[in-house]
Amino acid sequence: MLPIVLVALAVRLTSKGPALYWSDRVGRNTSPAVATHLLSDPDAYLTPIGSFLRKSSLDELPQLWSILVGDMSFVGPRPALSNQHDLIL
Protein backbone atom coordinates (compact mmCIF):
# COMPACT_ATOMS: atom_id res chain seq x y z
CA MET A 1 0.00 0.00 0.00
CA LEU A 2 2.89 2.38 0.75
CA PRO A 3 4.17 2.36 -2.88
CA ILE A 4 0.70 3.39 -4.10
CA VAL A 5 0.59 6.29 -1.62
CA LEU A 6 4.11 7.42 -2.62
CA VAL A 7 3.28 7.31 -6.33
CA ALA A 8 0.02 9.24 -5.76
CA LEU A 9 1.90 11.87 -3.76
CA ALA A 10 4.57 12.20 -6.46
CA VAL A 11 1.89 12.68 -9.12
CA ARG A 12 0.07 15.36 -7.11
CA LEU A 13 3.31 17.24 -6.40
CA THR A 14 4.39 17.31 -10.05
CA SER A 15 1.15 17.88 -11.95
CA LYS A 16 -2.20 19.66 -11.80
CA GLY A 17 -4.27 16.58 -12.56
CA PRO A 18 -5.69 13.95 -10.25
CA ALA A 19 -3.50 11.20 -8.81
CA LEU A 20 -5.94 8.54 -10.00
CA TYR A 21 -7.04 8.17 -13.61
CA TRP A 22 -10.16 6.53 -14.96
CA SER A 23 -10.37 6.04 -18.72
CA ASP A 24 -13.58 5.94 -20.69
CA ARG A 25 -14.40 2.41 -21.79
CA VAL A 26 -16.94 0.99 -24.18
CA GLY A 27 -20.18 0.35 -22.41
CA ARG A 28 -23.05 2.05 -20.78
CA ASN A 29 -23.01 5.86 -20.24
CA THR A 30 -19.63 6.46 -21.90
CA SER A 31 -18.68 8.82 -24.66
CA PRO A 32 -15.70 8.48 -26.97
CA ALA A 33 -12.58 10.50 -26.11
CA VAL A 34 -9.77 11.53 -28.42
CA ALA A 35 -7.37 8.63 -28.79
CA THR A 36 -3.68 9.18 -28.10
CA HIS A 37 -2.74 8.24 -31.65
CA LEU A 38 -4.97 11.06 -32.98
CA LEU A 39 -3.23 13.81 -30.99
CA SER A 40 -0.70 15.95 -32.85
CA ASP A 41 1.70 15.88 -29.86
CA PRO A 42 0.75 13.22 -27.28
CA ASP A 43 3.92 13.85 -25.24
CA ALA A 44 2.67 17.39 -24.50
CA TYR A 45 0.04 15.81 -22.23
CA LEU A 46 2.46 13.56 -20.37
CA THR A 47 4.12 14.91 -17.23
CA PRO A 48 7.67 13.87 -16.27
CA ILE A 49 6.36 11.70 -13.44
CA GLY A 50 3.75 10.23 -15.81
CA SER A 51 6.47 9.22 -18.25
CA PHE A 52 8.42 7.56 -15.45
CA LEU A 53 5.32 5.77 -14.15
CA ARG A 54 4.56 4.33 -17.57
CA LYS A 55 8.15 3.24 -18.25
CA SER A 56 8.49 1.62 -14.81
CA SER A 57 4.93 0.17 -14.86
CA LEU A 58 4.23 1.75 -11.48
CA ASP A 59 0.99 3.02 -13.01
CA GLU A 60 -0.18 -0.60 -12.77
CA LEU A 61 -0.07 -0.66 -8.94
CA PRO A 62 -3.82 0.06 -8.58
CA GLN A 63 -4.59 -2.96 -10.77
CA LEU A 64 -2.27 -5.10 -8.66
CA TRP A 65 -4.08 -3.91 -5.53
CA SER A 66 -7.43 -4.82 -7.13
CA ILE A 67 -6.08 -8.31 -7.83
CA LEU A 68 -4.83 -8.73 -4.27
CA VAL A 69 -8.18 -7.72 -2.75
CA GLY A 70 -10.10 -9.93 -5.18
CA ASP A 71 -11.79 -7.31 -7.39
CA MET A 72 -9.86 -8.43 -10.49
CA SER A 73 -8.00 -11.51 -11.66
CA PHE A 74 -4.71 -11.96 -13.51
CA VAL A 75 -6.52 -13.75 -16.32
CA GLY A 76 -8.75 -12.00 -18.81
CA PRO A 77 -8.70 -9.11 -21.23
CA ARG A 78 -8.72 -5.46 -20.26
CA PRO A 79 -11.99 -3.60 -20.88
CA ALA A 80 -12.32 -2.37 -24.45
CA LEU A 81 -11.39 1.23 -25.18
CA SER A 82 -14.04 3.47 -26.64
CA ASN A 83 -11.87 3.90 -29.75
CA GLN A 84 -10.83 0.26 -30.10
CA HIS A 85 -12.38 -0.03 -33.54
CA ASP A 86 -10.13 2.83 -34.74
CA LEU A 87 -7.05 1.11 -33.29
CA ILE A 88 -7.75 -2.18 -35.08
CA LEU A 89 -8.12 -0.64 -38.54
C-alpha atoms as a PDB file:
ATOM      1  CA  MET A   1       0.000   0.000   0.000  1.00  0.00           C
ATOM      2  CA  LEU A   2       2.889   2.381   0.750  1.00  0.00           C
ATOM      3  CA  PRO A   3       4.165   2.364  -2.876  1.00  0.00           C
ATOM      4  CA  ILE A   4       0.704   3.394  -4.100  1.00  0.00           C
ATOM      5  CA  VAL A   5       0.590   6.290  -1.619  1.00  0.00           C
ATOM      6  CA  LEU A   6       4.106   7.422  -2.618  1.00  0.00           C
ATOM      7  CA  VAL A   7       3.282   7.308  -6.327  1.00  0.00           C
ATOM      8  CA  ALA A   8       0.021   9.236  -5.761  1.00  0.00           C
ATOM      9  CA  LEU A   9       1.895  11.872  -3.764  1.00  0.00           C
ATOM     10  CA  ALA A  10       4.574  12.201  -6.465  1.00  0.00           C
ATOM     11  CA  VAL A  11       1.893  12.683  -9.123  1.00  0.00           C
ATOM     12  CA  ARG A  12       0.074  15.355  -7.107  1.00  0.00           C
ATOM     13  CA  LEU A  13       3.305  17.241  -6.401  1.00  0.00           C
ATOM     14  CA  THR A  14       4.394  17.315 -10.050  1.00  0.00           C
ATOM     15  CA  SER A  15       1.148  17.878 -11.949  1.00  0.00           C
ATOM     16  CA  LYS A  16      -2.201  19.656 -11.797  1.00  0.00           C
ATOM     17  CA  GLY A  17      -4.269  16.585 -12.561  1.00  0.00           C
ATOM     18  CA  PRO A  18      -5.689  13.948 -10.250  1.00  0.00           C
ATOM     19  CA  ALA A  19      -3.499  11.201  -8.808  1.00  0.00           C
ATOM     20  CA  LEU A  20      -5.941   8.543 -10.004  1.00  0.00           C
ATOM     21  CA  TYR A  21      -7.038   8.169 -13.610  1.00  0.00           C
ATOM     22  CA  TRP A  22     -10.164   6.528 -14.964  1.00  0.00           C
ATOM     23  CA  SER A  23     -10.367   6.042 -18.722  1.00  0.00           C
ATOM     24  CA  ASP A  24     -13.580   5.937 -20.687  1.00  0.00           C
ATOM     25  CA  ARG A  25     -14.396   2.415 -21.794  1.00  0.00           C
ATOM     26  CA  VAL A  26     -16.935   0.988 -24.182  1.00  0.00           C
ATOM     27  CA  GLY A  27     -20.178   0.348 -22.412  1.00  0.00           C
ATOM     28  CA  ARG A  28     -23.053   2.051 -20.776  1.00  0.00           C
ATOM     29  CA  ASN A  29     -23.012   5.859 -20.241  1.00  0.00           C
ATOM     30  CA  THR A  30     -19.632   6.457 -21.897  1.00  0.00           C
ATOM     31  CA  SER A  31     -18.677   8.823 -24.660  1.00  0.00           C
ATOM     32  CA  PRO A  32     -15.698   8.477 -26.966  1.00  0.00           C
ATOM     33  CA  ALA A  33     -12.579  10.496 -26.111  1.00  0.00           C
ATOM     34  CA  VAL A  34      -9.772  11.529 -28.422  1.00  0.00           C
ATOM     35  CA  ALA A  35      -7.367   8.627 -28.793  1.00  0.00           C
ATOM     36  CA  THR A  36      -3.679   9.179 -28.097  1.00  0.00           C
ATOM     37  CA  HIS A  37      -2.745   8.238 -31.646  1.00  0.00           C
ATOM     38  CA  LEU A  38      -4.968  11.055 -32.983  1.00  0.00           C
ATOM     39  CA  LEU A  39      -3.225  13.811 -30.985  1.00  0.00           C
ATOM     40  CA  SER A  40      -0.695  15.946 -32.847  1.00  0.00           C
ATOM     41  CA  ASP A  41       1.701  15.878 -29.857  1.00  0.00           C
ATOM     42  CA  PRO A  42       0.747  13.218 -27.281  1.00  0.00           C
ATOM     43  CA  ASP A  43       3.916  13.854 -25.241  1.00  0.00           C
ATOM     44  CA  ALA A  44       2.667  17.387 -24.502  1.00  0.00           C
ATOM     45  CA  TYR A  45       0.035  15.808 -22.234  1.00  0.00           C
ATOM     46  CA  LEU A  46       2.464  13.555 -20.371  1.00  0.00           C
ATOM     47  CA  THR A  47       4.118  14.911 -17.228  1.00  0.00           C
ATOM     48  CA  PRO A  48       7.673  13.870 -16.274  1.00  0.00           C
ATOM     49  CA  ILE A  49       6.360  11.697 -13.438  1.00  0.00           C
ATOM     50  CA  GLY A  50       3.750  10.233 -15.810  1.00  0.00           C
ATOM     51  CA  SER A  51       6.466   9.221 -18.253  1.00  0.00           C
ATOM     52  CA  PHE A  52       8.422   7.558 -15.445  1.00  0.00           C
ATOM     53  CA  LEU A  53       5.315   5.775 -14.146  1.00  0.00           C
ATOM     54  CA  ARG A  54       4.559   4.327 -17.574  1.00  0.00           C
ATOM     55  CA  LYS A  55       8.152   3.239 -18.252  1.00  0.00           C
ATOM     56  CA  SER A  56       8.486   1.617 -14.812  1.00  0.00           C
ATOM     57  CA  SER A  57       4.930   0.166 -14.864  1.00  0.00           C
ATOM     58  CA  LEU A  58       4.232   1.752 -11.476  1.00  0.00           C
ATOM     59  CA  ASP A  59       0.988   3.018 -13.008  1.00  0.00           C
ATOM     60  CA  GLU A  60      -0.184  -0.604 -12.772  1.00  0.00           C
ATOM     61  CA  LEU A  61      -0.070  -0.663  -8.944  1.00  0.00           C
ATOM     62  CA  PRO A  62      -3.815   0.063  -8.584  1.00  0.00           C
ATOM     63  CA  GLN A  63      -4.593  -2.959 -10.769  1.00  0.00           C
ATOM     64  CA  LEU A  64      -2.268  -5.103  -8.655  1.00  0.00           C
ATOM     65  CA  TRP A  65      -4.077  -3.908  -5.535  1.00  0.00           C
ATOM     66  CA  SER A  66      -7.426  -4.825  -7.128  1.00  0.00           C
ATOM     67  CA  ILE A  67      -6.082  -8.313  -7.835  1.00  0.00           C
ATOM     68  CA  LEU A  68      -4.826  -8.727  -4.274  1.00  0.00           C
ATOM     69  CA  VAL A  69      -8.180  -7.719  -2.747  1.00  0.00           C
ATOM     70  CA  GLY A  70     -10.104  -9.931  -5.184  1.00  0.00           C
ATOM     71  CA  ASP A  71     -11.794  -7.310  -7.387  1.00  0.00           C
ATOM     72  CA  MET A  72      -9.860  -8.431 -10.495  1.00  0.00           C
ATOM     73  CA  SER A  73      -7.997 -11.509 -11.656  1.00  0.00           C
ATOM     74  CA  PHE A  74      -4.714 -11.961 -13.507  1.00  0.00           C
ATOM     75  CA  VAL A  75      -6.519 -13.751 -16.320  1.00  0.00           C
ATOM     76  CA  GLY A  76      -8.750 -12.005 -18.813  1.00  0.00           C
ATOM     77  CA  PRO A  77      -8.699  -9.107 -21.230  1.00  0.00           C
ATOM     78  CA  ARG A  78      -8.724  -5.463 -20.258  1.00  0.00           C
ATOM     79  CA  PRO A  79     -11.990  -3.604 -20.877  1.00  0.00           C
ATOM     80  CA  ALA A  80     -12.317  -2.373 -24.448  1.00  0.00           C
ATOM     81  CA  LEU A  81     -11.391   1.231 -25.180  1.00  0.00           C
ATOM     82  CA  SER A  82     -14.044   3.469 -26.641  1.00  0.00           C
ATOM     83  CA  ASN A  83     -11.865   3.896 -29.752  1.00  0.00           C
ATOM     84  CA  GLN A  84     -10.832   0.257 -30.096  1.00  0.00           C
ATOM     85  CA  HIS A  85     -12.383  -0.025 -33.541  1.00  0.00           C
ATOM     86  CA  ASP A  86     -10.126   2.832 -34.743  1.00  0.00           C
ATOM     87  CA  LEU A  87      -7.052   1.109 -33.286  1.00  0.00           C
ATOM     88  CA  ILE A  88      -7.753  -2.179 -35.084  1.00  0.00           C
ATOM     89  CA  LEU A  89      -8.115  -0.639 -38.538  1.00  0.00           C
END
